Protein backbone atom coordinates (compact mmCIF):
# COMPACT_ATOMS: atom_id res chain seq x y z
CA MET A 1 -46.25 101.18 159.81
CA LEU A 2 -49.23 102.05 161.77
CA VAL A 3 -51.55 99.30 161.14
CA ARG A 4 -48.69 97.05 162.27
CA ALA A 5 -47.70 99.58 165.53
CA VAL A 6 -51.22 98.64 166.04
CA ARG A 7 -50.68 95.07 166.11
CA VAL A 8 -47.69 94.43 167.33
CA SER A 9 -49.88 96.80 170.42
CA SER A 10 -52.85 94.50 170.06
CA PHE A 11 -50.76 91.61 170.39
CA LEU A 12 -48.47 92.57 172.93
CA LEU A 13 -51.90 93.76 175.34
CA GLY A 14 -53.99 90.16 174.23
CA ALA A 15 -50.99 87.89 174.91
CA VAL A 16 -50.46 89.60 179.15
CA GLY A 17 -54.72 90.00 178.69
CA GLY A 18 -54.54 85.76 178.43
CA TYR A 19 -51.43 84.71 181.17
CA ARG A 20 -53.54 86.84 183.58
CA LEU A 21 -57.07 85.37 182.43
CA ALA A 22 -55.11 81.85 183.38
CA SER A 23 -53.02 82.95 185.88
CA LEU A 24 -56.31 84.26 188.41
CA ASP A 25 -56.51 81.84 191.53
CA HIS A 26 -60.26 81.14 190.72
CA GLY A 27 -59.18 79.76 186.62
CA ALA A 28 -56.96 78.21 187.78
CA ASP A 29 -58.70 75.64 190.70
CA ALA A 30 -60.49 74.56 187.42
CA PHE A 31 -58.59 74.03 184.93
CA TYR A 32 -56.72 72.09 187.70
CA ARG A 33 -60.21 70.00 188.42
CA LEU A 34 -60.12 69.59 185.06
CA PHE A 35 -56.64 68.11 183.92
CA PRO A 36 -55.09 67.53 187.79
CA GLY A 37 -50.88 67.60 186.99
CA PHE A 38 -51.12 70.22 184.68
CA SER A 39 -49.65 73.73 185.19
CA GLY A 40 -49.09 74.97 181.82
CA TRP A 41 -52.33 76.99 182.12
CA PRO A 42 -50.61 80.41 181.94
CA TRP A 43 -48.65 80.10 179.02
CA ILE A 44 -52.23 79.17 177.12
CA GLY A 45 -53.49 82.14 177.75
CA LEU A 46 -50.66 83.81 176.75
CA ALA A 47 -50.43 82.11 173.33
CA ALA A 48 -54.47 82.17 172.87
CA GLY A 49 -54.75 85.73 173.76
CA GLY A 50 -51.81 86.90 171.84
CA MET A 51 -53.15 85.68 168.87
CA VAL A 52 -56.76 87.48 169.54
CA GLY A 53 -54.93 89.97 170.26
CA PHE A 54 -52.77 89.66 166.50
CA TRP A 55 -56.35 89.30 164.51
CA LEU A 56 -57.30 92.26 166.10
CA GLY A 57 -54.80 94.10 165.96
CA GLY A 58 -54.86 94.15 161.76
CA TRP A 59 -58.15 94.65 161.06
CA LEU A 60 -58.67 97.22 164.41
CA GLY A 61 -54.62 99.25 163.08
CA GLU A 62 -56.65 98.90 158.89
CA ALA A 63 -59.66 100.38 160.24
CA LEU A 64 -57.68 103.68 161.96
CA ARG A 65 -55.45 103.88 158.88
CA ARG A 66 -58.36 104.24 156.90
CA GLY A 67 -60.18 106.98 159.10
CA MET A 68 -57.16 109.04 159.80
CA ALA A 69 -56.75 108.93 155.92
CA ARG A 70 -60.49 110.69 155.66
CA PHE A 71 -59.33 112.95 157.87
CA ALA A 72 -56.17 114.66 156.68
CA SER A 73 -58.39 114.70 153.33
CA ALA A 74 -61.38 116.38 154.59
CA VAL A 75 -58.40 118.99 156.34
CA ARG A 76 -56.67 119.45 153.52
CA GLN A 77 -60.48 120.65 152.17
CA MET A 78 -60.78 122.61 154.47
CA SER A 79 -60.47 126.67 154.87
CA PHE A 80 -57.44 127.34 157.69
CA PRO A 81 -60.43 129.88 159.73
CA ASP A 82 -63.34 126.84 159.15
CA LEU A 83 -60.39 124.25 161.09
CA LEU A 84 -59.51 127.31 163.90
CA SER A 85 -63.21 127.37 164.36
CA GLY A 86 -63.26 123.31 164.89
CA VAL A 87 -60.35 123.40 167.03
CA LEU A 88 -61.46 126.05 169.58
CA GLY A 89 -65.02 124.27 169.62
CA VAL A 90 -63.30 120.91 170.61
CA LEU A 91 -61.46 122.98 173.20
CA VAL A 92 -64.47 124.64 175.05
CA GLY A 93 -67.09 122.39 174.49
CA LEU A 94 -64.09 120.43 176.33
CA GLY A 95 -63.72 122.07 179.36
CA LEU A 96 -67.45 123.07 179.67
CA GLY A 97 -68.35 118.95 180.03
CA LEU A 98 -65.19 118.75 182.35
CA LEU A 99 -66.93 121.58 184.68
CA LEU A 100 -70.18 119.44 184.46
CA SER A 101 -68.92 116.29 185.62
CA LEU A 102 -66.75 117.90 188.74
CA PRO A 103 -70.61 118.56 190.82
CA TRP A 104 -70.92 114.85 190.86
CA PRO A 105 -68.62 113.82 194.15
CA ARG A 106 -70.43 110.50 194.27
CA PRO A 107 -70.33 108.11 191.18
CA LEU A 108 -73.76 107.25 189.87
CA PRO A 109 -75.38 104.06 189.18
CA VAL A 110 -73.94 102.55 186.21
CA VAL A 111 -72.42 105.24 184.57
CA GLY A 112 -70.08 105.11 187.78
CA GLU A 113 -66.69 106.32 186.88
CA PHE A 114 -67.77 106.99 183.34
CA LEU A 115 -69.73 109.86 183.92
CA PRO A 116 -67.31 112.60 183.40
CA VAL A 117 -65.23 110.81 180.64
CA LEU A 118 -68.86 111.13 178.73
CA LEU A 119 -69.50 114.53 179.07
CA THR A 120 -66.13 115.89 178.48
CA MET A 121 -66.83 113.89 175.02
CA ALA A 122 -70.04 115.31 174.66
CA GLY A 123 -68.94 118.46 175.69
CA GLY A 124 -66.98 118.48 172.70
CA TYR A 125 -69.31 118.48 170.18
CA LEU A 126 -71.49 119.77 170.89
CA GLY A 127 -68.67 122.28 171.02
CA ALA A 128 -67.78 121.51 167.51
CA VAL A 129 -70.42 121.57 166.12
CA ALA A 130 -71.72 125.33 167.96
CA ALA A 131 -68.11 126.30 165.66
CA TRP A 132 -68.65 125.03 162.68
CA CYS A 133 -72.38 126.37 162.21
CA LYS A 134 -70.96 130.02 163.37
CA LYS A 135 -67.51 129.43 161.58
CA ASP A 136 -67.68 132.71 159.08
CA GLU A 137 -68.54 134.77 162.91
CA ILE A 138 -65.21 133.40 164.49
CA ALA A 139 -63.02 133.78 161.92
CA GLY A 140 -64.11 137.54 161.33
CA LEU A 141 -63.47 137.80 165.35
CA VAL A 142 -60.25 136.03 165.11
CA GLY A 143 -59.24 137.54 162.24
CA GLY A 144 -60.02 141.16 163.13
CA ARG A 145 -62.66 141.67 160.80
CA LYS A 146 -66.43 141.96 160.76
CA PRO A 147 -67.59 138.84 159.36
CA GLY A 148 -69.98 137.91 156.16
CA ARG A 149 -72.65 137.72 156.00
CA ARG A 150 -73.76 134.00 155.31
CA VAL A 151 -76.74 132.84 152.88
CA ALA A 152 -79.63 131.57 155.05
CA VAL A 153 -80.94 129.74 152.95
CA LEU A 154 -81.96 125.80 151.64
CA PRO A 155 -79.14 123.56 150.79
CA GLY A 156 -79.02 123.96 146.47
CA GLN A 157 -80.82 126.90 146.46
CA VAL A 158 -78.28 128.17 146.07
CA LYS A 159 -76.07 129.99 142.95
CA ILE A 160 -73.07 130.51 142.98
CA LEU A 161 -71.37 133.32 140.10
CA ASP A 162 -67.93 132.47 138.00
CA THR A 163 -66.15 135.11 136.88
CA SER A 164 -67.09 134.40 132.60
CA VAL A 165 -70.98 134.87 133.13
CA ILE A 166 -70.22 137.86 134.72
CA ILE A 167 -68.22 139.36 132.14
CA ASP A 168 -70.64 137.69 129.35
CA GLY A 169 -74.22 139.34 130.39
CA ARG A 170 -75.86 137.33 130.19
CA ILE A 171 -77.34 136.54 133.14
CA ALA A 172 -78.66 139.43 133.96
CA ASP A 173 -81.01 139.47 131.84
CA VAL A 174 -81.83 135.30 132.54
CA ALA A 175 -82.50 137.08 136.48
CA SER A 176 -84.23 140.47 135.67
CA THR A 177 -87.49 137.07 134.14
CA GLY A 178 -87.62 135.79 137.96
CA PHE A 179 -87.10 132.09 136.33
CA LEU A 180 -84.47 131.61 139.17
CA GLU A 181 -84.83 130.54 142.52
CA GLY A 182 -83.32 131.05 145.05
CA THR A 183 -79.86 133.15 146.25
CA LEU A 184 -77.32 134.59 143.53
CA LEU A 185 -74.28 134.55 145.11
CA VAL A 186 -70.77 136.68 144.33
CA PRO A 187 -68.21 135.81 146.15
CA ALA A 188 -65.47 137.98 146.82
CA PHE A 189 -62.80 136.83 145.40
CA VAL A 190 -64.63 137.09 142.14
CA LEU A 191 -65.19 140.64 142.51
CA LYS A 192 -61.44 140.93 142.74
CA GLU A 193 -60.72 139.12 140.22
CA LEU A 194 -63.45 141.44 137.51
CA GLN A 195 -61.55 144.42 139.71
CA LEU A 196 -57.96 143.31 138.71
CA ILE A 197 -58.91 142.45 134.53
CA ALA A 198 -61.08 145.87 134.58
CA ASP A 199 -57.37 147.59 136.00
CA SER A 200 -55.27 145.35 133.25
CA SER A 201 -53.83 147.39 131.03
CA ASP A 202 -54.80 145.40 127.66
CA VAL A 203 -57.42 147.30 126.52
CA LEU A 204 -59.93 144.29 125.51
CA LYS A 205 -59.36 142.87 129.10
CA ARG A 206 -60.16 146.29 130.65
CA ASN A 207 -63.03 146.33 128.93
CA ARG A 208 -64.43 143.40 129.71
CA GLY A 209 -63.37 144.06 133.58
CA ARG A 210 -66.05 147.12 133.54
CA ARG A 211 -68.64 145.12 131.66
CA GLY A 212 -68.71 142.53 133.87
CA LEU A 213 -68.16 145.48 137.04
CA ASP A 214 -71.02 147.27 134.92
CA VAL A 215 -73.45 143.73 134.78
CA LEU A 216 -73.07 143.28 138.20
CA GLN A 217 -74.45 146.23 139.00
CA ARG A 218 -77.62 145.50 137.22
CA ILE A 219 -78.42 142.53 138.69
CA GLN A 220 -78.26 143.86 141.90
CA LYS A 221 -80.95 146.10 140.51
CA GLU A 222 -83.39 144.60 138.22
CA SER A 223 -82.71 140.86 139.15
CA LYS A 224 -85.75 139.59 141.63
CA VAL A 225 -83.84 136.61 143.79
CA ALA A 226 -81.83 138.25 146.10
CA VAL A 227 -78.10 138.50 145.87
CA GLU A 228 -75.57 138.33 147.85
CA ILE A 229 -72.14 138.82 148.31
CA LEU A 230 -70.19 136.69 150.84
CA ASP A 231 -66.61 138.18 151.85
CA PRO A 232 -64.03 135.98 151.13
CA ASP A 233 -61.66 133.61 153.78
CA GLU A 234 -58.13 134.47 153.72
CA ASP A 235 -56.54 134.41 150.70
CA ASP A 236 -54.21 131.36 150.27
CA GLY A 237 -53.11 131.04 146.84
CA THR A 238 -55.42 128.28 145.27
CA GLU A 239 -56.64 129.24 142.01
CA VAL A 240 -60.09 130.92 141.71
CA ASP A 241 -62.12 128.00 139.83
CA LEU A 242 -60.52 125.83 143.18
CA LYS A 243 -62.13 127.86 145.17
CA LEU A 244 -65.04 128.25 143.65
CA VAL A 245 -66.26 124.75 143.44
CA ARG A 246 -64.43 124.10 147.09
CA LEU A 247 -67.31 126.88 148.16
CA ALA A 248 -69.72 125.25 145.80
CA LYS A 249 -69.94 122.03 147.45
CA ARG A 250 -68.79 123.45 150.97
CA LEU A 251 -72.95 125.34 150.31
CA GLY A 252 -74.43 122.54 148.82
CA ALA A 253 -74.89 125.56 145.87
CA LYS A 254 -74.34 125.11 141.69
CA VAL A 255 -71.90 127.29 140.29
CA LEU A 256 -73.28 128.98 136.90
CA THR A 257 -70.62 129.48 134.03
CA ASN A 258 -70.42 129.50 131.08
CA ASP A 259 -66.58 127.85 130.98
CA PHE A 260 -65.90 124.77 130.23
CA ASN A 261 -62.90 124.06 132.33
CA LEU A 262 -64.61 125.18 135.66
CA ASN A 263 -67.51 122.71 134.73
CA LYS A 264 -65.60 119.72 133.32
CA ILE A 265 -63.98 119.94 136.94
CA ALA A 266 -67.09 121.10 138.99
CA GLU A 267 -68.12 118.12 137.22
CA LEU A 268 -65.41 115.97 138.74
CA LYS A 269 -65.67 117.63 142.13
CA GLY A 270 -69.60 116.59 141.72
CA VAL A 271 -70.80 119.89 141.92
CA ASP A 272 -73.88 121.03 139.90
CA VAL A 273 -73.58 123.20 137.02
CA LEU A 274 -75.72 125.49 135.22
CA ASN A 275 -73.67 126.03 132.47
CA ILE A 276 -75.72 129.55 129.89
CA ASN A 277 -74.07 128.35 126.52
CA GLU A 278 -75.92 124.70 127.11
CA LEU A 279 -79.36 126.61 128.63
CA ALA A 280 -78.34 129.30 125.42
CA ASN A 281 -78.56 126.27 122.73
CA ALA A 282 -82.04 124.79 124.82
CA MET A 283 -83.72 128.34 123.86
CA LYS A 284 -83.15 128.83 120.53
CA PRO A 285 -86.58 127.32 118.24
CA VAL A 286 -86.47 124.33 116.96
CA VAL A 287 -86.05 123.92 113.26
CA LEU A 288 -86.22 120.34 111.25
CA PRO A 289 -85.61 119.85 107.28
CA GLY A 290 -88.20 121.28 105.44
CA GLU A 291 -88.64 124.10 106.60
CA GLU A 292 -87.91 127.47 104.50
CA MET A 293 -87.39 130.52 105.24
CA VAL A 294 -85.17 133.60 104.60
CA VAL A 295 -81.43 133.73 104.73
CA HIS A 296 -78.43 136.83 104.34
CA VAL A 297 -75.68 135.62 102.59
CA ILE A 298 -72.64 136.56 104.48
CA LYS A 299 -68.87 134.72 103.01
CA ASP A 300 -67.95 131.56 101.99
CA GLY A 301 -68.04 128.30 103.50
CA LYS A 302 -65.44 126.09 103.61
CA GLU A 303 -66.59 123.84 100.97
CA HIS A 304 -66.12 124.51 96.91
CA GLY A 305 -69.30 126.70 96.36
CA GLN A 306 -71.18 127.32 100.16
CA GLY A 307 -72.22 130.21 101.18
CA VAL A 308 -72.51 130.90 105.46
CA GLY A 309 -75.14 133.42 106.91
CA TYR A 310 -76.80 133.75 110.48
CA LEU A 311 -80.53 133.67 112.32
CA ASP A 312 -81.05 136.85 114.30
CA ASP A 313 -79.74 134.22 117.23
CA GLY A 314 -76.55 133.72 116.04
CA THR A 315 -76.97 129.77 114.94
CA MET A 316 -74.69 129.52 111.66
CA ILE A 317 -76.44 128.11 108.44
CA VAL A 318 -74.51 126.76 105.97
CA VAL A 319 -76.05 127.52 102.59
CA ASP A 320 -75.15 125.36 99.65
CA GLY A 321 -74.51 126.39 96.37
CA GLY A 322 -74.87 130.29 98.86
CA ARG A 323 -71.56 130.98 97.00
CA ARG A 324 -73.76 132.79 94.61
CA PHE A 325 -75.31 134.60 96.24
CA ILE A 326 -73.49 136.95 99.12
CA GLY A 327 -74.64 139.69 100.24
CA GLU A 328 -77.61 139.28 99.15
CA SER A 329 -80.93 137.44 101.17
CA VAL A 330 -82.10 134.05 100.06
CA GLY A 331 -84.84 132.54 100.11
CA VAL A 332 -83.36 128.39 101.43
CA MET A 333 -85.36 125.27 102.29
CA VAL A 334 -83.48 123.55 105.66
CA THR A 335 -82.46 119.54 104.84
CA SER A 336 -80.21 119.03 108.16
CA VAL A 337 -79.56 119.81 111.26
CA LEU A 338 -76.36 119.36 113.29
CA GLN A 339 -75.72 119.76 116.89
CA THR A 340 -72.33 119.85 118.32
CA ALA A 341 -70.69 120.77 121.76
CA ALA A 342 -69.84 124.12 120.09
CA GLY A 343 -73.96 124.79 119.10
CA ARG A 344 -76.03 124.01 116.14
CA MET A 345 -75.19 124.39 112.91
CA ILE A 346 -77.63 124.26 109.99
CA PHE A 347 -77.35 122.54 106.93
CA ALA A 348 -80.40 124.26 103.54
CA LYS A 349 -80.02 124.46 99.69
CA PRO A 350 -81.56 127.61 98.10
CA LYS A 351 -85.47 127.69 96.82
CA PRO A 352 -85.16 126.83 93.23
CA LEU A 353 -85.69 131.11 91.13
CA GLU A 354 -86.93 132.44 94.34
CA ARG A 355 -84.96 135.29 96.41
CA ALA A 356 -86.14 137.41 98.91
CA LEU A 357 -85.72 140.38 98.33
């Protein structure tokens, strides 16, 4: 509908412009000298202008439709405080640009009467940029609360922690080693989710939530990188995972998680993810076929005669023919290693006539 309306408007403007151009005195005289007695030039101008306007209208209408679609998509992804800050910035900038154009009573050369328009447009753009840079402070003033602290680091240096990785607890150990750089960011909506879990009536959930709060406190005290608590935007009912991805995309940050679903959502949205489980798997010692080790067999395997044991890092070892050694430690030789999405599995067989005491 938009493309059709623009095309019709452009067709009418082109037809009127072509008719008037062909009806000008100097243009008509030239046409009459070339073709004496012919007086249909205005109608030819009308037809030519209409055709050109129809073609340009289709191109302009399509470009306008795509631009409006991109604008609507960008607005949908923006939070209300960001949108409000941008609108206020544009209005203030337009007003300042208009005021700056008033001291020029006479048109200047070249620029002429377009100077007020240029100054107003420039003021609107600069106002929008300034408001975007200070959107948190503006949102705080409009909302009647103190603005949250801004994360003044380069894009890519911010790591946002989600609820699962805080409850997991291993991030505290990683942060205390000094391997992480930049800033660890904990959004307030993640903190709120931890508090809700800690206040749950379910004992297991309550313990997990309290563990998460203890881990977060430990990170703040022992971490060798900066830790920031970011004040939230107004609650718009969006799920925590989507808020997390949207915040990471806006800040150019990475998401620290061990949640498989959040990992996939962030990758689909083009957000970099640091998965603690992948890090843990990468840090496990390398085991090659033919190596020997001692394993404590604790239970049956899925196949007949198999026994199952675990290494100190939690890696499962399936011992072929190890069922008879359940409850004992036995020397084994690695036969193969299988890497799966859930982790690594090691297959082994008992060493002949050897049993660990």
